[in-house]
Amino acid sequence: MEKKTYYVNIASQEISQIPYGNNAEYIIQATDEEVFLLREKFNEIHEDDIGTFVRAHIPFVQYHQDPENDEYDTDLQDVMQKIYQLATPETKQAMDESGISPKNENN
């Protein structure tokens, strides 16, 4: 399958073939299937986010004892791993230099 260029923004969970505004946080080369899988991960993060919102209203639960936050963190790490795998060389370099690449031990 042919790979196309996509522009990804984590905060807005946007994946677009058209660069505009701040949607080009990460630039990837991906097939339609790879974009579908990335979109599914973004959907999981959205669901996790709702769970963490609800949990945030329970004041006595510590962050490190919170499965909703663990799920959110794991799914976000999965998204970053996938973005890194699909990233253009320039995007990989920028991720490496900023210390957010999945291969960076300080993540």
PDB file of N, CA and C in Angstrom:
ATOM      1  N   MET A   1       0.825  -1.178   0.000  1.00  0.00           N
ATOM      2  CA  MET A   1       0.000   0.000   0.000  1.00  0.00           C
ATOM      3  C   MET A   1       0.877   1.252   0.000  1.00  0.00           C
ATOM      4  N   GLU A   2       0.407   2.263  -0.650  1.00  0.00           N
ATOM      5  CA  GLU A   2       1.165   3.506  -0.786  1.00  0.00           C
ATOM      6  C   GLU A   2       1.113   4.336   0.494  1.00  0.00           C
ATOM      7  N   LYS A   3       2.270   4.846   0.886  1.00  0.00           N
ATOM      8  CA  LYS A   3       2.341   5.716   2.061  1.00  0.00           C
ATOM      9  C   LYS A   3       2.120   7.158   1.626  1.00  0.00           C
ATOM     10  N   LYS A   4       1.413   7.885   2.471  1.00  0.00           N
ATOM     11  CA  LYS A   4       1.134   9.293   2.229  1.00  0.00           C
ATOM     12  C   LYS A   4       1.656  10.096   3.417  1.00  0.00           C
ATOM     13  N   THR A   5       1.804  11.378   3.207  1.00  0.00           N
ATOM     14  CA  THR A   5       2.249  12.265   4.276  1.00  0.00           C
ATOM     15  C   THR A   5       1.042  12.727   5.087  1.00  0.00           C
ATOM     16  N   TYR A   6       1.196  12.650   6.414  1.00  0.00           N
ATOM     17  CA  TYR A   6       0.155  13.109   7.328  1.00  0.00           C
ATOM     18  C   TYR A   6       0.789  14.017   8.369  1.00  0.00           C
ATOM     19  N   TYR A   7      -0.021  14.938   8.865  1.00  0.00           N
ATOM     20  CA  TYR A   7       0.401  15.880   9.893  1.00  0.00           C
ATOM     21  C   TYR A   7      -0.390  15.553  11.157  1.00  0.00           C
ATOM     22  N   VAL A   8       0.331  15.357  12.258  1.00  0.00           N
ATOM     23  CA  VAL A   8      -0.287  14.869  13.488  1.00  0.00           C
ATOM     24  C   VAL A   8      -0.089  15.884  14.610  1.00  0.00           C
ATOM     25  N   ASN A   9      -1.168  16.137  15.347  1.00  0.00           N
ATOM     26  CA  ASN A   9      -1.107  16.978  16.536  1.00  0.00           C
ATOM     27  C   ASN A   9      -1.658  16.169  17.706  1.00  0.00           C
ATOM     28  N   ILE A  10      -0.846  15.967  18.727  1.00  0.00           N
ATOM     29  CA  ILE A  10      -1.239  15.155  19.874  1.00  0.00           C
ATOM     30  C   ILE A  10      -2.360  15.822  20.673  1.00  0.00           C
ATOM     31  N   ALA A  11      -2.222  17.106  20.975  1.00  0.00           N
ATOM     32  CA  ALA A  11      -3.191  17.794  21.834  1.00  0.00           C
ATOM     33  C   ALA A  11      -4.599  17.753  21.255  1.00  0.00           C
ATOM     34  N   SER A  12      -4.724  17.991  19.960  1.00  0.00           N
ATOM     35  CA  SER A  12      -6.045  17.981  19.330  1.00  0.00           C
ATOM     36  C   SER A  12      -6.414  16.606  18.787  1.00  0.00           C
ATOM     37  N   GLN A  13      -5.486  15.662  18.875  1.00  0.00           N
ATOM     38  CA  GLN A  13      -5.662  14.301  18.361  1.00  0.00           C
ATOM     39  C   GLN A  13      -6.045  14.326  16.877  1.00  0.00           C
ATOM     40  N   GLU A  14      -5.401  15.215  16.163  1.00  0.00           N
ATOM     41  CA  GLU A  14      -5.695  15.417  14.746  1.00  0.00           C
ATOM     42  C   GLU A  14      -4.667  14.711  13.867  1.00  0.00           C
ATOM     43  N   ILE A  15      -5.174  14.074  12.821  1.00  0.00           N
ATOM     44  CA  ILE A  15      -4.337  13.478  11.780  1.00  0.00           C
ATOM     45  C   ILE A  15      -4.879  14.016  10.463  1.00  0.00           C
ATOM     46  N   SER A  16      -4.058  14.762   9.728  1.00  0.00           N
ATOM     47  CA  SER A  16      -4.532  15.426   8.516  1.00  0.00           C
ATOM     48  C   SER A  16      -3.509  15.306   7.396  1.00  0.00           C
ATOM     49  N   GLN A  17      -4.002  15.280   6.172  1.00  0.00           N
ATOM     50  CA  GLN A  17      -3.108  15.301   5.017  1.00  0.00           C
ATOM     51  C   GLN A  17      -2.779  16.726   4.594  1.00  0.00           C
ATOM     52  N   ILE A  18      -3.442  17.687   5.212  1.00  0.00           N
ATOM     53  CA  ILE A  18      -3.252  19.091   4.853  1.00  0.00           C
ATOM     54  C   ILE A  18      -2.632  19.829   6.037  1.00  0.00           C
ATOM     55  N   PRO A  19      -1.456  20.434   5.847  1.00  0.00           N
ATOM     56  CA  PRO A  19      -0.859  21.192   6.952  1.00  0.00           C
ATOM     57  C   PRO A  19      -1.520  22.563   7.088  1.00  0.00           C
ATOM     58  N   TYR A  20      -1.940  22.886   8.299  1.00  0.00           N
ATOM     59  CA  TYR A  20      -2.460  24.224   8.566  1.00  0.00           C
ATOM     60  C   TYR A  20      -2.423  24.467  10.066  1.00  0.00           C
ATOM     61  N   GLY A  21      -2.346  25.732  10.435  1.00  0.00           N
ATOM     62  CA  GLY A  21      -2.279  26.073  11.849  1.00  0.00           C
ATOM     63  C   GLY A  21      -1.118  25.360  12.519  1.00  0.00           C
ATOM     64  N   ASN A  22      -1.414  24.733  13.638  1.00  0.00           N
ATOM     65  CA  ASN A  22      -0.368  24.029  14.381  1.00  0.00           C
ATOM     66  C   ASN A  22      -0.516  22.509  14.292  1.00  0.00           C
ATOM     67  N   ASN A  23      -1.150  22.021  13.224  1.00  0.00           N
ATOM     68  CA  ASN A  23      -1.384  20.580  13.152  1.00  0.00           C
ATOM     69  C   ASN A  23      -0.154  19.786  12.728  1.00  0.00           C
ATOM     70  N   ALA A  24       0.931  20.449  12.389  1.00  0.00           N
ATOM     71  CA  ALA A  24       2.132  19.741  11.931  1.00  0.00           C
ATOM     72  C   ALA A  24       3.130  19.535  13.068  1.00  0.00           C
ATOM     73  N   GLU A  25       2.613  19.183  14.246  1.00  0.00           N
ATOM     74  CA  GLU A  25       3.491  18.905  15.385  1.00  0.00           C
ATOM     75  C   GLU A  25       4.432  17.750  15.040  1.00  0.00           C
ATOM     76  N   TYR A  26       3.887  16.726  14.378  1.00  0.00           N
ATOM     77  CA  TYR A  26       4.673  15.585  13.902  1.00  0.00           C
ATOM     78  C   TYR A  26       4.271  15.299  12.464  1.00  0.00           C
ATOM     79  N   ILE A  27       5.248  14.979  11.625  1.00  0.00           N
ATOM     80  CA  ILE A  27       4.977  14.632  10.230  1.00  0.00           C
ATOM     81  C   ILE A  27       5.332  13.166  10.059  1.00  0.00           C
ATOM     82  N   ILE A  28       4.359  12.397   9.547  1.00  0.00           N
ATOM     83  CA  ILE A  28       4.562  10.962   9.379  1.00  0.00           C
ATOM     84  C   ILE A  28       4.292  10.554   7.938  1.00  0.00           C
ATOM     85  N   GLN A  29       4.815   9.396   7.580  1.00  0.00           N
ATOM     86  CA  GLN A  29       4.529   8.746   6.301  1.00  0.00           C
ATOM     87  C   GLN A  29       3.819   7.442   6.649  1.00  0.00           C
ATOM     88  N   ALA A  30       2.557   7.289   6.220  1.00  0.00           N
ATOM     89  CA  ALA A  30       1.785   6.128   6.644  1.00  0.00           C
ATOM     90  C   ALA A  30       0.804   5.675   5.577  1.00  0.00           C
ATOM     91  N   THR A  31       0.465   4.392   5.647  1.00  0.00           N
ATOM     92  CA  THR A  31      -0.589   3.840   4.800  1.00  0.00           C
ATOM     93  C   THR A  31      -1.933   4.170   5.444  1.00  0.00           C
ATOM     94  N   ASP A  32      -3.010   3.937   4.703  1.00  0.00           N
ATOM     95  CA  ASP A  32      -4.344   4.167   5.257  1.00  0.00           C
ATOM     96  C   ASP A  32      -4.575   3.294   6.492  1.00  0.00           C
ATOM     97  N   GLU A  33      -4.095   2.059   6.445  1.00  0.00           N
ATOM     98  CA  GLU A  33      -4.265   1.146   7.578  1.00  0.00           C
ATOM     99  C   GLU A  33      -3.501   1.639   8.811  1.00  0.00           C
ATOM    100  N   GLU A  34      -2.292   2.131   8.616  1.00  0.00           N
ATOM    101  CA  GLU A  34      -1.502   2.648   9.736  1.00  0.00           C
ATOM    102  C   GLU A  34      -2.163   3.879  10.357  1.00  0.00           C
ATOM    103  N   VAL A  35      -2.748   4.725   9.517  1.00  0.00           N
ATOM    104  CA  VAL A  35      -3.456   5.903  10.025  1.00  0.00           C
ATOM    105  C   VAL A  35      -4.697   5.466  10.797  1.00  0.00           C
ATOM    106  N   PHE A  36      -5.383   4.445  10.294  1.00  0.00           N
ATOM    107  CA  PHE A  36      -6.556   3.920  10.994  1.00  0.00           C
ATOM    108  C   PHE A  36      -6.176   3.427  12.388  1.00  0.00           C
ATOM    109  N   LEU A  37      -5.066   2.688  12.487  1.00  0.00           N
ATOM    110  CA  LEU A  37      -4.617   2.174  13.783  1.00  0.00           C
ATOM    111  C   LEU A  37      -4.214   3.307  14.731  1.00  0.00           C
ATOM    112  N   LEU A  38      -3.576   4.336  14.188  1.00  0.00           N
ATOM    113  CA  LEU A  38      -3.214   5.493  15.005  1.00  0.00           C
ATOM    114  C   LEU A  38      -4.472   6.215  15.490  1.00  0.00           C
ATOM    115  N   ARG A  39      -5.460   6.352  14.619  1.00  0.00           N
ATOM    116  CA  ARG A  39      -6.738   6.971  14.993  1.00  0.00           C
ATOM    117  C   ARG A  39      -7.409   6.166  16.109  1.00  0.00           C
ATOM    118  N   GLU A  40      -7.355   4.838  16.018  1.00  0.00           N
ATOM    119  CA  GLU A  40      -7.926   3.987  17.066  1.00  0.00           C
ATOM    120  C   GLU A  40      -7.240   4.258  18.405  1.00  0.00           C
ATOM    121  N   LYS A  41      -5.926   4.424  18.391  1.00  0.00           N
ATOM    122  CA  LYS A  41      -5.193   4.729  19.625  1.00  0.00           C
ATOM    123  C   LYS A  41      -5.619   6.091  20.178  1.00  0.00           C
ATOM    124  N   PHE A  42      -5.810   7.069  19.291  1.00  0.00           N
ATOM    125  CA  PHE A  42      -6.298   8.377  19.740  1.00  0.00           C
ATOM    126  C   PHE A  42      -7.684   8.236  20.377  1.00  0.00           C
ATOM    127  N   ASN A  43      -8.537   7.384  19.804  1.00  0.00           N
ATOM    128  CA  ASN A  43      -9.860   7.148  20.384  1.00  0.00           C
ATOM    129  C   ASN A  43      -9.740   6.546  21.783  1.00  0.00           C
ATOM    130  N   GLU A  44      -8.791   5.629  21.965  1.00  0.00           N
ATOM    131  CA  GLU A  44      -8.563   5.045  23.287  1.00  0.00           C
ATOM    132  C   GLU A  44      -8.100   6.114  24.274  1.00  0.00           C
ATOM    133  N   ILE A  45      -7.223   7.003  23.821  1.00  0.00           N
ATOM    134  CA  ILE A  45      -6.760   8.089  24.693  1.00  0.00           C
ATOM    135  C   ILE A  45      -7.930   8.983  25.089  1.00  0.00           C
ATOM    136  N   HIS A  46      -8.821   9.249  24.148  1.00  0.00           N
ATOM    137  CA  HIS A  46      -9.995  10.077  24.452  1.00  0.00           C
ATOM    138  C   HIS A  46     -10.851   9.413  25.532  1.00  0.00           C
ATOM    139  N   GLU A  47     -11.081   8.114  25.399  1.00  0.00           N
ATOM    140  CA  GLU A  47     -11.849   7.381  26.407  1.00  0.00           C
ATOM    141  C   GLU A  47     -11.124   7.399  27.756  1.00  0.00           C
ATOM    142  N   ASP A  48      -9.809   7.205  27.728  1.00  0.00           N
ATOM    143  CA  ASP A  48      -9.016   7.265  28.962  1.00  0.00           C
ATOM    144  C   ASP A  48      -9.124   8.644  29.602  1.00  0.00           C
ATOM    145  N   ASP A  49      -9.122   9.678  28.773  1.00  0.00           N
ATOM    146  CA  ASP A  49      -9.192  11.052  29.259  1.00  0.00           C
ATOM    147  C   ASP A  49     -10.498  11.293  30.012  1.00  0.00           C
ATOM    148  N   ILE A  50     -11.582  10.746  29.498  1.00  0.00           N
ATOM    149  CA  ILE A  50     -12.870  10.874  30.186  1.00  0.00           C
ATOM    150  C   ILE A  50     -12.801  10.180  31.545  1.00  0.00           C
ATOM    151  N   GLY A  51     -12.186   8.999  31.576  1.00  0.00           N
ATOM    152  CA  GLY A  51     -12.032   8.281  32.840  1.00  0.00           C
ATOM    153  C   GLY A  51     -11.198   9.048  33.847  1.00  0.00           C
ATOM    154  N   THR A  52     -10.142   9.703  33.382  1.00  0.00           N
ATOM    155  CA  THR A  52      -9.304  10.471  34.310  1.00  0.00           C
ATOM    156  C   THR A  52     -10.034  11.723  34.794  1.00  0.00           C
ATOM    157  N   PHE A  53     -10.904  12.284  33.949  1.00  0.00           N
ATOM    158  CA  PHE A  53     -11.698  13.441  34.364  1.00  0.00           C
ATOM    159  C   PHE A  53     -12.629  13.054  35.508  1.00  0.00           C
ATOM    160  N   VAL A  54     -13.302  11.929  35.345  1.00  0.00           N
ATOM    161  CA  VAL A  54     -14.212  11.463  36.395  1.00  0.00           C
ATOM    162  C   VAL A  54     -13.425  11.177  37.672  1.00  0.00           C
ATOM    163  N   ARG A  55     -12.292  10.497  37.533  1.00  0.00           N
ATOM    164  CA  ARG A  55     -11.469  10.146  38.684  1.00  0.00           C
ATOM    165  C   ARG A  55     -10.921  11.379  39.378  1.00  0.00           C
ATOM    166  N   ALA A  56     -10.682  12.437  38.652  1.00  0.00           N
ATOM    167  CA  ALA A  56     -10.117  13.656  39.235  1.00  0.00           C
ATOM    168  C   ALA A  56     -11.033  14.269  40.291  1.00  0.00           C
ATOM    169  N   HIS A  57     -12.289  13.895  40.273  1.00  0.00           N
ATOM    170  CA  HIS A  57     -13.235  14.430  41.248  1.00  0.00           C
ATOM    171  C   HIS A  57     -13.292  13.593  42.527  1.00  0.00           C
ATOM    172  N   ILE A  58     -12.406  12.617  42.630  1.00  0.00           N
ATOM    173  CA  ILE A  58     -12.294  11.806  43.844  1.00  0.00           C
ATOM    174  C   ILE A  58     -10.966  12.197  44.489  1.00  0.00           C
ATOM    175  N   PRO A  59     -10.990  13.062  45.477  1.00  0.00           N
ATOM    176  CA  PRO A  59      -9.758  13.674  45.972  1.00  0.00           C
ATOM    177  C   PRO A  59      -8.782  12.748  46.686  1.00  0.00           C
ATOM    178  N   PHE A  60      -9.207  11.634  47.208  1.00  0.00           N
ATOM    179  CA  PHE A  60      -8.308  10.813  48.008  1.00  0.00           C
ATOM    180  C   PHE A  60      -7.556   9.746  47.218  1.00  0.00           C
ATOM    181  N   VAL A  61      -7.777   9.640  45.917  1.00  0.00           N
ATOM    182  CA  VAL A  61      -7.067   8.650  45.103  1.00  0.00           C
ATOM    183  C   VAL A  61      -5.768   9.276  44.595  1.00  0.00           C
ATOM    184  N   GLN A  62      -4.650   8.663  44.935  1.00  0.00           N
ATOM    185  CA  GLN A  62      -3.348   9.150  44.497  1.00  0.00           C
ATOM    186  C   GLN A  62      -3.124   8.792  43.028  1.00  0.00           C
ATOM    187  N   TYR A  63      -2.364   9.632  42.325  1.00  0.00           N
ATOM    188  CA  TYR A  63      -2.105   9.407  40.896  1.00  0.00           C
ATOM    189  C   TYR A  63      -1.476   8.043  40.659  1.00  0.00           C
ATOM    190  N   HIS A  64      -0.517   7.673  41.482  1.00  0.00           N
ATOM    191  CA  HIS A  64       0.193   6.408  41.279  1.00  0.00           C
ATOM    192  C   HIS A  64      -0.645   5.187  41.665  1.00  0.00           C
ATOM    193  N   GLN A  65      -1.830   5.394  42.230  1.00  0.00           N
ATOM    194  CA  GLN A  65      -2.730   4.298  42.573  1.00  0.00           C
ATOM    195  C   GLN A  65      -3.991   4.362  41.725  1.00  0.00           C
ATOM    196  N   ASP A  66      -3.854   4.853  40.522  1.00  0.00           N
ATOM    197  CA  ASP A  66      -5.015   5.155  39.691  1.00  0.00           C
ATOM    198  C   ASP A  66      -4.926   4.434  38.351  1.00  0.00           C
ATOM    199  N   PRO A  67      -5.699   3.369  38.150  1.00  0.00           N
ATOM    200  CA  PRO A  67      -5.613   2.625  36.890  1.00  0.00           C
ATOM    201  C   PRO A  67      -6.021   3.447  35.664  1.00  0.00           C
ATOM    202  N   GLU A  68      -6.924   4.423  35.842  1.00  0.00           N
ATOM    203  CA  GLU A  68      -7.321   5.258  34.702  1.00  0.00           C
ATOM    204  C   GLU A  68      -6.129   6.053  34.176  1.00  0.00           C
ATOM    205  N   ASN A  69      -5.345   6.609  35.081  1.00  0.00           N
ATOM    206  CA  ASN A  69      -4.158   7.353  34.658  1.00  0.00           C
ATOM    207  C   ASN A  69      -3.115   6.432  34.046  1.00  0.00           C
ATOM    208  N   ASP A  70      -3.004   5.223  34.580  1.00  0.00           N
ATOM    209  CA  ASP A  70      -2.067   4.250  34.013  1.00  0.00           C
ATOM    210  C   ASP A  70      -2.436   3.919  32.570  1.00  0.00           C
ATOM    211  N   GLU A  71      -3.738   3.725  32.315  1.00  0.00           N
ATOM    212  CA  GLU A  71      -4.197   3.434  30.953  1.00  0.00           C
ATOM    213  C   GLU A  71      -3.900   4.606  30.023  1.00  0.00           C
ATOM    214  N   TYR A  72      -4.173   5.817  30.493  1.00  0.00           N
ATOM    215  CA  TYR A  72      -3.905   7.014  29.693  1.00  0.00           C
ATOM    216  C   TYR A  72      -2.419   7.094  29.349  1.00  0.00           C
ATOM    217  N   ASP A  73      -1.571   6.919  30.359  1.00  0.00           N
ATOM    218  CA  ASP A  73      -0.120   6.992  30.144  1.00  0.00           C
ATOM    219  C   ASP A  73       0.359   5.931  29.158  1.00  0.00           C
ATOM    220  N   THR A  74      -0.130   4.704  29.321  1.00  0.00           N
ATOM    221  CA  THR A  74       0.268   3.608  28.433  1.00  0.00           C
ATOM    222  C   THR A  74      -0.161   3.884  26.999  1.00  0.00           C
ATOM    223  N   ASP A  75      -1.399   4.326  26.819  1.00  0.00           N
ATOM    224  CA  ASP A  75      -1.882   4.604  25.464  1.00  0.00           C
ATOM    225  C   ASP A  75      -1.140   5.778  24.832  1.00  0.00           C
ATOM    226  N   LEU A  76      -0.809   6.789  25.619  1.00  0.00           N
ATOM    227  CA  LEU A  76      -0.041   7.918  25.087  1.00  0.00           C
ATOM    228  C   LEU A  76       1.359   7.470  24.671  1.00  0.00           C
ATOM    229  N   GLN A  77       1.973   6.611  25.463  1.00  0.00           N
ATOM    230  CA  GLN A  77       3.281   6.070  25.097  1.00  0.00           C
ATOM    231  C   GLN A  77       3.185   5.245  23.814  1.00  0.00           C
ATOM    232  N   ASP A  78       2.097   4.487  23.664  1.00  0.00           N
ATOM    233  CA  ASP A  78       1.892   3.707  22.437  1.00  0.00           C
ATOM    234  C   ASP A  78       1.767   4.620  21.220  1.00  0.00           C
ATOM    235  N   VAL A  79       1.048   5.726  21.374  1.00  0.00           N
ATOM    236  CA  VAL A  79       0.892   6.690  20.280  1.00  0.00           C
ATOM    237  C   VAL A  79       2.244   7.284  19.906  1.00  0.00           C
ATOM    238  N   MET A  80       3.019   7.670  20.899  1.00  0.00           N
ATOM    239  CA  MET A  80       4.332   8.255  20.614  1.00  0.00           C
ATOM    240  C   MET A  80       5.249   7.239  19.930  1.00  0.00           C
ATOM    241  N   GLN A  81       5.172   5.980  20.344  1.00  0.00           N
ATOM    242  CA  GLN A  81       5.961   4.925  19.704  1.00  0.00           C
ATOM    243  C   GLN A  81       5.557   4.786  18.239  1.00  0.00           C
ATOM    244  N   LYS A  82       4.254   4.770  17.979  1.00  0.00           N
ATOM    245  CA  LYS A  82       3.760   4.620  16.607  1.00  0.00           C
ATOM    246  C   LYS A  82       4.157   5.831  15.761  1.00  0.00           C
ATOM    247  N   ILE A  83       4.023   7.020  16.313  1.00  0.00           N
ATOM    248  CA  ILE A  83       4.417   8.222  15.576  1.00  0.00           C
ATOM    249  C   ILE A  83       5.899   8.157  15.239  1.00  0.00           C
ATOM    250  N   TYR A  84       6.710   7.746  16.186  1.00  0.00           N
ATOM    251  CA  TYR A  84       8.152   7.652  15.937  1.00  0.00           C
ATOM    252  C   TYR A  84       8.447   6.639  14.832  1.00  0.00           C
ATOM    253  N   GLN A  85       7.751   5.513  14.842  1.00  0.00           N
ATOM    254  CA  GLN A  85       7.957   4.489  13.809  1.00  0.00           C
ATOM    255  C   GLN A  85       7.607   5.013  12.421  1.00  0.00           C
ATOM    256  N   LEU A  86       6.578   5.847  12.339  1.00  0.00           N
ATOM    257  CA  LEU A  86       6.089   6.346  11.051  1.00  0.00           C
ATOM    258  C   LEU A  86       6.689   7.703  10.665  1.00  0.00           C
ATOM    259  N   ALA A  87       7.428   8.301  11.561  1.00  0.00           N
ATOM    260  CA  ALA A  87       7.920   9.669  11.367  1.00  0.00           C
ATOM    261  C   ALA A  87       8.883   9.787  10.195  1.00  0.00           C
ATOM    262  N   THR A  88       8.878  10.982   9.607  1.00  0.00           N
ATOM    263  CA  THR A  88       9.879  11.300   8.591  1.00  0.00           C
ATOM    264  C   THR A  88      11.232  11.398   9.293  1.00  0.00           C
ATOM    265  N   PRO A  89      12.327  11.297   8.552  1.00  0.00           N
ATOM    266  CA  PRO A  89      13.649  11.424   9.190  1.00  0.00           C
ATOM    267  C   PRO A  89      13.812  12.731   9.974  1.00  0.00           C
ATOM    268  N   GLU A  90      13.268  13.818   9.445  1.00  0.00           N
ATOM    269  CA  GLU A  90      13.375  15.104  10.131  1.00  0.00           C
ATOM    270  C   GLU A  90      12.603  15.090  11.450  1.00  0.00           C
ATOM    271  N   THR A  91      11.422  14.477  11.432  1.00  0.00           N
ATOM    272  CA  THR A  91      10.618  14.393  12.648  1.00  0.00           C
ATOM    273  C   THR A  91      11.294  13.502  13.684  1.00  0.00           C
ATOM    274  N   LYS A  92      11.862  12.379  13.232  1.00  0.00           N
ATOM    275  CA  LYS A  92      12.592  11.502  14.164  1.00  0.00           C
ATOM    276  C   LYS A  92      13.754  12.250  14.802  1.00  0.00           C
ATOM    277  N   GLN A  93      14.471  13.004  13.994  1.00  0.00           N
ATOM    278  CA  GLN A  93      15.607  13.765  14.515  1.00  0.00           C
ATOM    279  C   GLN A  93      15.132  14.777  15.558  1.00  0.00           C
ATOM    280  N   ALA A  94      14.046  15.478  15.259  1.00  0.00           N
ATOM    281  CA  ALA A  94      13.513  16.464  16.205  1.00  0.00           C
ATOM    282  C   ALA A  94      13.060  15.790  17.502  1.00  0.00           C
ATOM    283  N   MET A  95      12.443  14.619  17.388  1.00  0.00           N
ATOM    284  CA  MET A  95      12.015  13.884  18.580  1.00  0.00           C
ATOM    285  C   MET A  95      13.224  13.434  19.395  1.00  0.00           C
ATOM    286  N   ASP A  96      14.253  12.951  18.703  1.00  0.00           N
ATOM    287  CA  ASP A  96      15.477  12.526  19.390  1.00  0.00           C
ATOM    288  C   ASP A  96      16.125  13.700  20.126  1.00  0.00           C
ATOM    289  N   GLU A  97      16.228  14.831  19.438  1.00  0.00           N
ATOM    290  CA  GLU A  97      16.887  16.005  20.012  1.00  0.00           C
ATOM    291  C   GLU A  97      16.115  16.589  21.191  1.00  0.00           C
ATOM    292  N   SER A  98      14.792  16.464  21.154  1.00  0.00           N
ATOM    293  CA  SER A  98      13.985  17.013  22.248  1.00  0.00           C
ATOM    294  C   SER A  98      13.851  16.040  23.417  1.00  0.00           C
ATOM    295  N   GLY A  99      14.341  14.811  23.228  1.00  0.00           N
ATOM    296  CA  GLY A  99      14.305  13.832  24.310  1.00  0.00           C
ATOM    297  C   GLY A  99      12.986  13.113  24.469  1.00  0.00           C
ATOM    298  N   ILE A 100      12.109  13.197  23.469  1.00  0.00           N
ATOM    299  CA  ILE A 100      10.809  12.532  23.589  1.00  0.00           C
ATOM    300  C   ILE A 100      10.681  11.300  22.709  1.00  0.00           C
ATOM    301  N   SER A 101      11.765  10.893  22.096  1.00  0.00           N
ATOM    302  CA  SER A 101      11.681   9.689  21.274  1.00  0.00           C
ATOM    303  C   SER A 101      11.523   8.476  22.178  1.00  0.00           C
ATOM    304  N   PRO A 102      10.766   7.473  21.736  1.00  0.00           N
ATOM    305  CA  PRO A 102      10.550   6.275  22.550  1.00  0.00           C
ATOM    306  C   PRO A 102      11.837   5.560  22.930  1.00  0.00           C
ATOM    307  N   LYS A 103      12.894   5.723  22.140  1.00  0.00           N
ATOM    308  CA  LYS A 103      14.145   5.053  22.481  1.00  0.00           C
ATOM    309  C   LYS A 103      14.933   5.799  23.553  1.00  0.00           C
ATOM    310  N   ASN A 104      14.449   7.001  23.906  1.00  0.00           N
ATOM    311  CA  ASN A 104      15.102   7.789  24.948  1.00  0.00           C
ATOM    312  C   ASN A 104      14.734   7.205  26.309  1.00  0.00           C
ATOM    313  N   GLU A 105      15.705   6.881  27.119  1.00  0.00           N
ATOM    314  CA  GLU A 105      15.463   6.254  28.419  1.00  0.00           C
ATOM    315  C   GLU A 105      14.865   7.215  29.437  1.00  0.00           C
ATOM    316  N   ASN A 106      14.852   8.498  29.150  1.00  0.00           N
ATOM    317  CA  ASN A 106      14.330   9.479  30.102  1.00  0.00           C
ATOM    318  C   ASN A 106      12.851   9.760  29.913  1.00  0.00           C
ATOM    319  N   ASN A 107      12.163   9.005  29.072  1.00  0.00           N
ATOM    320  CA  ASN A 107      10.732   9.236  28.837  1.00  0.00           C
ATOM    321  C   ASN A 107       9.923   8.887  30.055  1.00  0.00           C
TER     322      ASN A 107
END
